[in-house]
Amino acid sequence: MTASPLIPVPIPDRVAALIGSCMPIGVLQAEVDAECAAREVRRFRVPMCAEDQADREHALAVVARANKVLGAYNPGLVLRPGASAF
């Protein structure tokens, strides 16, 4: 976890845990889901077979679902699938 998506400055795990303890559990789970799915989307390269394309679409759907929760809590937490999370 970093302090800013623009300037990747690592923060200690205890500080990240303290920040996370102030957020609802559903929002934390959505954040983890979005980051994992966005990482999976970035690993696919063109040309894709039908199975890879279906997996990529599924990962994009997970990002979209998580972004609904994150955007409702704080619009600044919304994650783009192609953007770097770190």
PDB file of N, CA and C in Angstrom:
ATOM      1  N   MET A   1       0.853  -1.171   0.000  1.00  0.00           N
ATOM      2  CA  MET A   1       0.000   0.000   0.000  1.00  0.00           C
ATOM      3  C   MET A   1       0.898   1.233   0.000  1.00  0.00           C
ATOM      4  N   THR A   2       0.524   2.235  -0.763  1.00  0.00           N
ATOM      5  CA  THR A   2       1.296   3.466  -0.839  1.00  0.00           C
ATOM      6  C   THR A   2       0.439   4.646  -0.398  1.00  0.00           C
ATOM      7  N   ALA A   3       1.114   5.745  -0.098  1.00  0.00           N
ATOM      8  CA  ALA A   3       0.416   6.928   0.390  1.00  0.00           C
ATOM      9  C   ALA A   3      -0.308   7.668  -0.726  1.00  0.00           C
ATOM     10  N   SER A   4       0.228   7.621  -1.947  1.00  0.00           N
ATOM     11  CA  SER A   4      -0.375   8.354  -3.055  1.00  0.00           C
ATOM     12  C   SER A   4      -0.177   7.571  -4.341  1.00  0.00           C
ATOM     13  N   PRO A   5      -1.181   7.533  -5.212  1.00  0.00           N
ATOM     14  CA  PRO A   5      -0.972   6.850  -6.485  1.00  0.00           C
ATOM     15  C   PRO A   5      -0.024   7.609  -7.416  1.00  0.00           C
ATOM     16  N   LEU A   6       0.178   8.911  -7.172  1.00  0.00           N
ATOM     17  CA  LEU A   6       1.049   9.712  -8.022  1.00  0.00           C
ATOM     18  C   LEU A   6       2.510   9.593  -7.617  1.00  0.00           C
ATOM     19  N   ILE A   7       2.778   9.549  -6.323  1.00  0.00           N
ATOM     20  CA  ILE A   7       4.137   9.440  -5.809  1.00  0.00           C
ATOM     21  C   ILE A   7       4.189   8.194  -4.935  1.00  0.00           C
ATOM     22  N   PRO A   8       4.773   7.111  -5.447  1.00  0.00           N
ATOM     23  CA  PRO A   8       4.764   5.866  -4.681  1.00  0.00           C
ATOM     24  C   PRO A   8       5.701   5.917  -3.471  1.00  0.00           C
ATOM     25  N   VAL A   9       5.146   6.252  -2.340  1.00  0.00           N
ATOM     26  CA  VAL A   9       5.898   6.283  -1.090  1.00  0.00           C
ATOM     27  C   VAL A   9       5.348   5.177  -0.201  1.00  0.00           C
ATOM     28  N   PRO A  10       6.178   4.186   0.125  1.00  0.00           N
ATOM     29  CA  PRO A  10       5.666   3.097   0.955  1.00  0.00           C
ATOM     30  C   PRO A  10       5.316   3.578   2.361  1.00  0.00           C
ATOM     31  N   ILE A  11       4.245   3.032   2.895  1.00  0.00           N
ATOM     32  CA  ILE A  11       3.884   3.352   4.271  1.00  0.00           C
ATOM     33  C   ILE A  11       3.988   2.066   5.088  1.00  0.00           C
ATOM     34  N   PRO A  12       4.328   2.177   6.354  1.00  0.00           N
ATOM     35  CA  PRO A  12       4.462   0.976   7.180  1.00  0.00           C
ATOM     36  C   PRO A  12       3.153   0.204   7.286  1.00  0.00           C
ATOM     37  N   ASP A  13       3.265  -1.105   7.474  1.00  0.00           N
ATOM     38  CA  ASP A  13       2.082  -1.960   7.576  1.00  0.00           C
ATOM     39  C   ASP A  13       1.177  -1.552   8.729  1.00  0.00           C
ATOM     40  N   ARG A  14       1.762  -1.116   9.840  1.00  0.00           N
ATOM     41  CA  ARG A  14       0.937  -0.711  10.981  1.00  0.00           C
ATOM     42  C   ARG A  14       0.101   0.523  10.656  1.00  0.00           C
ATOM     43  N   VAL A  15       0.663   1.436   9.881  1.00  0.00           N
ATOM     44  CA  VAL A  15      -0.080   2.632   9.485  1.00  0.00           C
ATOM     45  C   VAL A  15      -1.206   2.235   8.520  1.00  0.00           C
ATOM     46  N   ALA A  16      -0.898   1.333   7.589  1.00  0.00           N
ATOM     47  CA  ALA A  16      -1.932   0.858   6.661  1.00  0.00           C
ATOM     48  C   ALA A  16      -3.046   0.149   7.426  1.00  0.00           C
ATOM     49  N   ALA A  17      -2.693  -0.626   8.435  1.00  0.00           N
ATOM     50  CA  ALA A  17      -3.703  -1.313   9.247  1.00  0.00           C
ATOM     51  C   ALA A  17      -4.552  -0.304  10.010  1.00  0.00           C
ATOM     52  N   LEU A  18      -3.951   0.756  10.501  1.00  0.00           N
ATOM     53  CA  LEU A  18      -4.692   1.794  11.222  1.00  0.00           C
ATOM     54  C   LEU A  18      -5.665   2.507  10.284  1.00  0.00           C
ATOM     55  N   ILE A  19      -5.204   2.809   9.079  1.00  0.00           N
ATOM     56  CA  ILE A  19      -6.086   3.441   8.099  1.00  0.00           C
ATOM     57  C   ILE A  19      -7.233   2.497   7.749  1.00  0.00           C
ATOM     58  N   GLY A  20      -6.905   1.222   7.543  1.00  0.00           N
ATOM     59  CA  GLY A  20      -7.921   0.235   7.196  1.00  0.00           C
ATOM     60  C   GLY A  20      -8.933   0.006   8.298  1.00  0.00           C
ATOM     61  N   SER A  21      -8.513   0.168   9.552  1.00  0.00           N
ATOM     62  CA  SER A  21      -9.437  -0.056  10.658  1.00  0.00           C
ATOM     63  C   SER A  21     -10.510   1.027  10.740  1.00  0.00           C
ATOM     64  N   CYS A  22     -10.296   2.140  10.057  1.00  0.00           N
ATOM     65  CA  CYS A  22     -11.267   3.235  10.058  1.00  0.00           C
ATOM     66  C   CYS A  22     -12.285   3.111   8.924  1.00  0.00           C
ATOM     67  N   MET A  23     -12.093   2.102   8.068  1.00  0.00           N
ATOM     68  CA  MET A  23     -12.977   1.921   6.913  1.00  0.00           C
ATOM     69  C   MET A  23     -13.877   0.713   7.130  1.00  0.00           C
ATOM     70  N   PRO A  24     -15.074   0.730   6.574  1.00  0.00           N
ATOM     71  CA  PRO A  24     -15.938  -0.448   6.659  1.00  0.00           C
ATOM     72  C   PRO A  24     -15.296  -1.651   5.953  1.00  0.00           C
ATOM     73  N   ILE A  25     -15.589  -2.838   6.453  1.00  0.00           N
ATOM     74  CA  ILE A  25     -14.982  -4.058   5.915  1.00  0.00           C
ATOM     75  C   ILE A  25     -15.336  -4.278   4.451  1.00  0.00           C
ATOM     76  N   GLY A  26     -16.524  -3.901   4.033  1.00  0.00           N
ATOM     77  CA  GLY A  26     -16.917  -4.049   2.634  1.00  0.00           C
ATOM     78  C   GLY A  26     -16.085  -3.186   1.697  1.00  0.00           C
ATOM     79  N   VAL A  27     -15.719  -2.004   2.163  1.00  0.00           N
ATOM     80  CA  VAL A  27     -14.892  -1.105   1.361  1.00  0.00           C
ATOM     81  C   VAL A  27     -13.468  -1.657   1.268  1.00  0.00           C
ATOM     82  N   LEU A  28     -12.955  -2.185   2.365  1.00  0.00           N
ATOM     83  CA  LEU A  28     -11.618  -2.788   2.339  1.00  0.00           C
ATOM     84  C   LEU A  28     -11.580  -3.977   1.384  1.00  0.00           C
ATOM     85  N   GLN A  29     -12.610  -4.811   1.427  1.00  0.00           N
ATOM     86  CA  GLN A  29     -12.655  -5.966   0.539  1.00  0.00           C
ATOM     87  C   GLN A  29     -12.752  -5.518  -0.912  1.00  0.00           C
ATOM     88  N   ALA A  30     -13.528  -4.475  -1.187  1.00  0.00           N
ATOM     89  CA  ALA A  30     -13.643  -3.954  -2.547  1.00  0.00           C
ATOM     90  C   ALA A  30     -12.304  -3.402  -3.033  1.00  0.00           C
ATOM     91  N   GLU A  31     -11.552  -2.770  -2.151  1.00  0.00           N
ATOM     92  CA  GLU A  31     -10.244  -2.242  -2.524  1.00  0.00           C
ATOM     93  C   GLU A  31      -9.290  -3.374  -2.904  1.00  0.00           C
ATOM     94  N   VAL A  32      -9.278  -4.428  -2.109  1.00  0.00           N
ATOM     95  CA  VAL A  32      -8.424  -5.582  -2.406  1.00  0.00           C
ATOM     96  C   VAL A  32      -8.859  -6.239  -3.712  1.00  0.00           C
ATOM     97  N   ASP A  33     -10.164  -6.426  -3.887  1.00  0.00           N
ATOM     98  CA  ASP A  33     -10.676  -7.041  -5.110  1.00  0.00           C
ATOM     99  C   ASP A  33     -10.308  -6.218  -6.344  1.00  0.00           C
ATOM    100  N   ALA A  34     -10.445  -4.908  -6.250  1.00  0.00           N
ATOM    101  CA  ALA A  34     -10.142  -4.032  -7.390  1.00  0.00           C
ATOM    102  C   ALA A  34      -8.660  -4.089  -7.745  1.00  0.00           C
ATOM    103  N   GLU A  35      -7.793  -4.053  -6.748  1.00  0.00           N
ATOM    104  CA  GLU A  35      -6.357  -4.088  -7.018  1.00  0.00           C
ATOM    105  C   GLU A  35      -5.938  -5.418  -7.631  1.00  0.00           C
ATOM    106  N   CYS A  36      -6.464  -6.513  -7.124  1.00  0.00           N
ATOM    107  CA  CYS A  36      -6.114  -7.837  -7.664  1.00  0.00           C
ATOM    108  C   CYS A  36      -6.629  -7.993  -9.090  1.00  0.00           C
ATOM    109  N   ALA A  37      -7.853  -7.575  -9.333  1.00  0.00           N
ATOM    110  CA  ALA A  37      -8.430  -7.698 -10.670  1.00  0.00           C
ATOM    111  C   ALA A  37      -7.734  -6.767 -11.662  1.00  0.00           C
ATOM    112  N   ALA A  38      -7.367  -5.561 -11.248  1.00  0.00           N
ATOM    113  CA  ALA A  38      -6.663  -4.640 -12.136  1.00  0.00           C
ATOM    114  C   ALA A  38      -5.292  -5.197 -12.492  1.00  0.00           C
ATOM    115  N   ARG A  39      -4.639  -5.829 -11.551  1.00  0.00           N
ATOM    116  CA  ARG A  39      -3.349  -6.461 -11.816  1.00  0.00           C
ATOM    117  C   ARG A  39      -3.520  -7.593 -12.841  1.00  0.00           C
ATOM    118  N   GLU A  40      -4.604  -8.355 -12.715  1.00  0.00           N
ATOM    119  CA  GLU A  40      -4.870  -9.435 -13.659  1.00  0.00           C
ATOM    120  C   GLU A  40      -5.172  -8.891 -15.057  1.00  0.00           C
ATOM    121  N   VAL A  41      -5.897  -7.786 -15.140  1.00  0.00           N
ATOM    122  CA  VAL A  41      -6.210  -7.180 -16.438  1.00  0.00           C
ATOM    123  C   VAL A  41      -4.922  -6.765 -17.137  1.00  0.00           C
ATOM    124  N   ARG A  42      -3.968  -6.216 -16.398  1.00  0.00           N
ATOM    125  CA  ARG A  42      -2.716  -5.747 -16.990  1.00  0.00           C
ATOM    126  C   ARG A  42      -1.840  -6.878 -17.508  1.00  0.00           C
ATOM    127  N   ARG A  43      -2.056  -8.097 -17.051  1.00  0.00           N
ATOM    128  CA  ARG A  43      -1.180  -9.190 -17.485  1.00  0.00           C
ATOM    129  C   ARG A  43      -1.567  -9.742 -18.854  1.00  0.00           C
ATOM    130  N   PHE A  44      -2.759  -9.453 -19.354  1.00  0.00           N
ATOM    131  CA  PHE A  44      -3.183  -9.955 -20.658  1.00  0.00           C
ATOM    132  C   PHE A  44      -2.625  -9.080 -21.765  1.00  0.00           C
ATOM    133  N   ARG A  45      -2.140  -9.725 -22.823  1.00  0.00           N
ATOM    134  CA  ARG A  45      -1.595  -9.022 -23.979  1.00  0.00           C
ATOM    135  C   ARG A  45      -2.322  -9.488 -25.235  1.00  0.00           C
ATOM    136  N   VAL A  46      -2.360  -8.626 -26.231  1.00  0.00           N
ATOM    137  CA  VAL A  46      -3.006  -8.936 -27.502  1.00  0.00           C
ATOM    138  C   VAL A  46      -2.009  -9.717 -28.348  1.00  0.00           C
ATOM    139  N   PRO A  47      -2.361 -10.671 -29.111  1.00  0.00           N
ATOM    140  CA  PRO A  47      -3.671 -11.252 -29.355  1.00  0.00           C
ATOM    141  C   PRO A  47      -4.054 -12.228 -28.242  1.00  0.00           C
ATOM    142  N   MET A  48      -5.330 -12.282 -27.950  1.00  0.00           N
ATOM    143  CA  MET A  48      -5.824 -13.157 -26.894  1.00  0.00           C
ATOM    144  C   MET A  48      -6.694 -14.247 -27.497  1.00  0.00           C
ATOM    145  N   CYS A  49      -6.585 -15.428 -26.905  1.00  0.00           N
ATOM    146  CA  CYS A  49      -7.504 -16.499 -27.300  1.00  0.00           C
ATOM    147  C   CYS A  49      -8.854 -16.219 -26.619  1.00  0.00           C
ATOM    148  N   ALA A  50      -9.855 -16.988 -26.963  1.00  0.00           N
ATOM    149  CA  ALA A  50     -11.200 -16.770 -26.420  1.00  0.00           C
ATOM    150  C   ALA A  50     -11.221 -16.931 -24.906  1.00  0.00           C
ATOM    151  N   GLU A  51     -10.455 -17.886 -24.387  1.00  0.00           N
ATOM    152  CA  GLU A  51     -10.427 -18.112 -22.938  1.00  0.00           C
ATOM    153  C   GLU A  51      -9.783 -16.938 -22.198  1.00  0.00           C
ATOM    154  N   ASP A  52      -8.670 -16.409 -22.749  1.00  0.00           N
ATOM    155  CA  ASP A  52      -8.026 -15.241 -22.137  1.00  0.00           C
ATOM    156  C   ASP A  52      -8.939 -14.026 -22.198  1.00  0.00           C
ATOM    157  N   GLN A  53      -9.641 -13.865 -23.302  1.00  0.00           N
ATOM    158  CA  GLN A  53     -10.550 -12.727 -23.429  1.00  0.00           C
ATOM    159  C   GLN A  53     -11.681 -12.819 -22.403  1.00  0.00           C
ATOM    160  N   ALA A  54     -12.196 -14.027 -22.175  1.00  0.00           N
ATOM    161  CA  ALA A  54     -13.252 -14.214 -21.175  1.00  0.00           C
ATOM    162  C   ALA A  54     -12.710 -13.932 -19.767  1.00  0.00           C
ATOM    163  N   ASP A  55     -11.482 -14.364 -19.483  1.00  0.00           N
ATOM    164  CA  ASP A  55     -10.881 -14.092 -18.181  1.00  0.00           C
ATOM    165  C   ASP A  55     -10.658 -12.599 -17.972  1.00  0.00           C
ATOM    166  N   ARG A  56     -10.239 -11.906 -19.032  1.00  0.00           N
ATOM    167  CA  ARG A  56     -10.027 -10.462 -18.938  1.00  0.00           C
ATOM    168  C   ARG A  56     -11.342  -9.732 -18.699  1.00  0.00           C
ATOM    169  N   GLU A  57     -12.389 -10.146 -19.398  1.00  0.00           N
ATOM    170  CA  GLU A  57     -13.708  -9.531 -19.215  1.00  0.00           C
ATOM    171  C   GLU A  57     -14.225  -9.761 -17.793  1.00  0.00           C
ATOM    172  N   HIS A  58     -13.967 -10.947 -17.260  1.00  0.00           N
ATOM    173  CA  HIS A  58     -14.377 -11.235 -15.883  1.00  0.00           C
ATOM    174  C   HIS A  58     -13.628 -10.322 -14.907  1.00  0.00           C
ATOM    175  N   ALA A  59     -12.322 -10.149 -15.126  1.00  0.00           N
ATOM    176  CA  ALA A  59     -11.540  -9.272 -14.256  1.00  0.00           C
ATOM    177  C   ALA A  59     -12.024  -7.825 -14.358  1.00  0.00           C
ATOM    178  N   LEU A  60     -12.372  -7.388 -15.568  1.00  0.00           N
ATOM    179  CA  LEU A  60     -12.915  -6.030 -15.728  1.00  0.00           C
ATOM    180  C   LEU A  60     -14.247  -5.873 -14.996  1.00  0.00           C
ATOM    181  N   ALA A  61     -15.053  -6.921 -14.995  1.00  0.00           N
ATOM    182  CA  ALA A  61     -16.330  -6.875 -14.274  1.00  0.00           C
ATOM    183  C   ALA A  61     -16.095  -6.786 -12.769  1.00  0.00           C
ATOM    184  N   VAL A  62     -15.080  -7.486 -12.268  1.00  0.00           N
ATOM    185  CA  VAL A  62     -14.751  -7.416 -10.839  1.00  0.00           C
ATOM    186  C   VAL A  62     -14.302  -6.001 -10.476  1.00  0.00           C
ATOM    187  N   VAL A  63     -13.479  -5.403 -11.335  1.00  0.00           N
ATOM    188  CA  VAL A  63     -13.035  -4.021 -11.088  1.00  0.00           C
ATOM    189  C   VAL A  63     -14.232  -3.077 -11.075  1.00  0.00           C
ATOM    190  N   ALA A  64     -15.146  -3.227 -12.022  1.00  0.00           N
ATOM    191  CA  ALA A  64     -16.320  -2.350 -12.093  1.00  0.00           C
ATOM    192  C   ALA A  64     -17.196  -2.496 -10.856  1.00  0.00           C
ATOM    193  N   ARG A  65     -17.395  -3.746 -10.411  1.00  0.00           N
ATOM    194  CA  ARG A  65     -18.225  -3.988  -9.223  1.00  0.00           C
ATOM    195  C   ARG A  65     -17.572  -3.381  -7.974  1.00  0.00           C
ATOM    196  N   ALA A  66     -16.255  -3.567  -7.848  1.00  0.00           N
ATOM    197  CA  ALA A  66     -15.548  -3.009  -6.697  1.00  0.00           C
ATOM    198  C   ALA A  66     -15.544  -1.485  -6.751  1.00  0.00           C
ATOM    199  N   ASN A  67     -15.425  -0.919  -7.955  1.00  0.00           N
ATOM    200  CA  ASN A  67     -15.415   0.537  -8.087  1.00  0.00           C
ATOM    201  C   ASN A  67     -16.743   1.162  -7.685  1.00  0.00           C
ATOM    202  N   LYS A  68     -17.844   0.437  -7.845  1.00  0.00           N
ATOM    203  CA  LYS A  68     -19.137   0.959  -7.384  1.00  0.00           C
ATOM    204  C   LYS A  68     -19.116   1.162  -5.875  1.00  0.00           C
ATOM    205  N   VAL A  69     -18.575   0.188  -5.165  1.00  0.00           N
ATOM    206  CA  VAL A  69     -18.494   0.289  -3.704  1.00  0.00           C
ATOM    207  C   VAL A  69     -17.509   1.385  -3.311  1.00  0.00           C
ATOM    208  N   LEU A  70     -16.335   1.396  -3.957  1.00  0.00           N
ATOM    209  CA  LEU A  70     -15.312   2.395  -3.620  1.00  0.00           C
ATOM    210  C   LEU A  70     -15.781   3.803  -3.953  1.00  0.00           C
ATOM    211  N   GLY A  71     -16.438   3.979  -5.091  1.00  0.00           N
ATOM    212  CA  GLY A  71     -16.924   5.300  -5.487  1.00  0.00           C
ATOM    213  C   GLY A  71     -18.009   5.826  -4.571  1.00  0.00           C
ATOM    214  N   ALA A  72     -18.839   4.928  -4.050  1.00  0.00           N
ATOM    215  CA  ALA A  72     -19.879   5.353  -3.106  1.00  0.00           C
ATOM    216  C   ALA A  72     -19.269   5.793  -1.784  1.00  0.00           C
ATOM    217  N   TYR A  73     -18.168   5.159  -1.392  1.00  0.00           N
ATOM    218  CA  TYR A  73     -17.528   5.503  -0.120  1.00  0.00           C
ATOM    219  C   TYR A  73     -16.659   6.750  -0.277  1.00  0.00           C
ATOM    220  N   ASN A  74     -15.812   6.755  -1.322  1.00  0.00           N
ATOM    221  CA  ASN A  74     -14.927   7.885  -1.574  1.00  0.00           C
ATOM    222  C   ASN A  74     -14.528   7.838  -3.048  1.00  0.00           C
ATOM    223  N   PRO A  75     -14.942   8.789  -3.867  1.00  0.00           N
ATOM    224  CA  PRO A  75     -14.635   8.749  -5.299  1.00  0.00           C
ATOM    225  C   PRO A  75     -13.139   8.730  -5.599  1.00  0.00           C
ATOM    226  N   GLY A  76     -12.323   9.159  -4.683  1.00  0.00           N
ATOM    227  CA  GLY A  76     -10.876   9.130  -4.887  1.00  0.00           C
ATOM    228  C   GLY A  76     -10.276   7.737  -4.833  1.00  0.00           C
ATOM    229  N   LEU A  77     -11.040   6.761  -4.362  1.00  0.00           N
ATOM    230  CA  LEU A  77     -10.538   5.395  -4.267  1.00  0.00           C
ATOM    231  C   LEU A  77     -10.788   4.567  -5.525  1.00  0.00           C
ATOM    232  N   VAL A  78     -11.539   5.098  -6.479  1.00  0.00           N
ATOM    233  CA  VAL A  78     -11.867   4.357  -7.699  1.00  0.00           C
ATOM    234  C   VAL A  78     -10.574   4.035  -8.439  1.00  0.00           C
ATOM    235  N   LEU A  79     -10.472   2.791  -8.915  1.00  0.00           N
ATOM    236  CA  LEU A  79      -9.262   2.301  -9.571  1.00  0.00           C
ATOM    237  C   LEU A  79      -9.551   2.008 -11.028  1.00  0.00           C
ATOM    238  N   ARG A  80      -8.676   2.464 -11.912  1.00  0.00           N
ATOM    239  CA  ARG A  80      -8.788   2.156 -13.322  1.00  0.00           C
ATOM    240  C   ARG A  80      -8.010   0.873 -13.588  1.00  0.00           C
ATOM    241  N   PRO A  81      -8.569  -0.021 -14.380  1.00  0.00           N
ATOM    242  CA  PRO A  81      -7.904  -1.308 -14.593  1.00  0.00           C
ATOM    243  C   PRO A  81      -6.548  -1.197 -15.262  1.00  0.00           C
ATOM    244  N   GLY A  82      -6.320  -0.214 -16.101  1.00  0.00           N
ATOM    245  CA  GLY A  82      -5.035  -0.073 -16.754  1.00  0.00           C
ATOM    246  C   GLY A  82      -4.038   0.757 -15.965  1.00  0.00           C
ATOM    247  N   ALA A  83      -4.508   1.482 -14.961  1.00  0.00           N
ATOM    248  CA  ALA A  83      -3.624   2.348 -14.185  1.00  0.00           C
ATOM    249  C   ALA A  83      -2.858   1.547 -13.156  1.00  0.00           C
ATOM    250  N   SER A  84      -1.691   2.030 -12.831  1.00  0.00           N
ATOM    251  CA  SER A  84      -0.873   1.355 -11.828  1.00  0.00           C
ATOM    252  C   SER A  84      -1.416   1.630 -10.443  1.00  0.00           C
ATOM    253  N   ALA A  85      -1.559   0.582  -9.646  1.00  0.00           N
ATOM    254  CA  ALA A  85      -2.062   0.732  -8.292  1.00  0.00           C
ATOM    255  C   ALA A  85      -0.967   1.138  -7.334  1.00  0.00           C
ATOM    256  N   PHE A  86       0.285   1.041  -7.805  1.00  0.00           N
ATOM    257  CA  PHE A  86       1.408   1.331  -6.907  1.00  0.00           C
ATOM    258  C   PHE A  86       2.226   2.471  -7.387  1.00  0.00           C
TER     259      PHE A  86
END
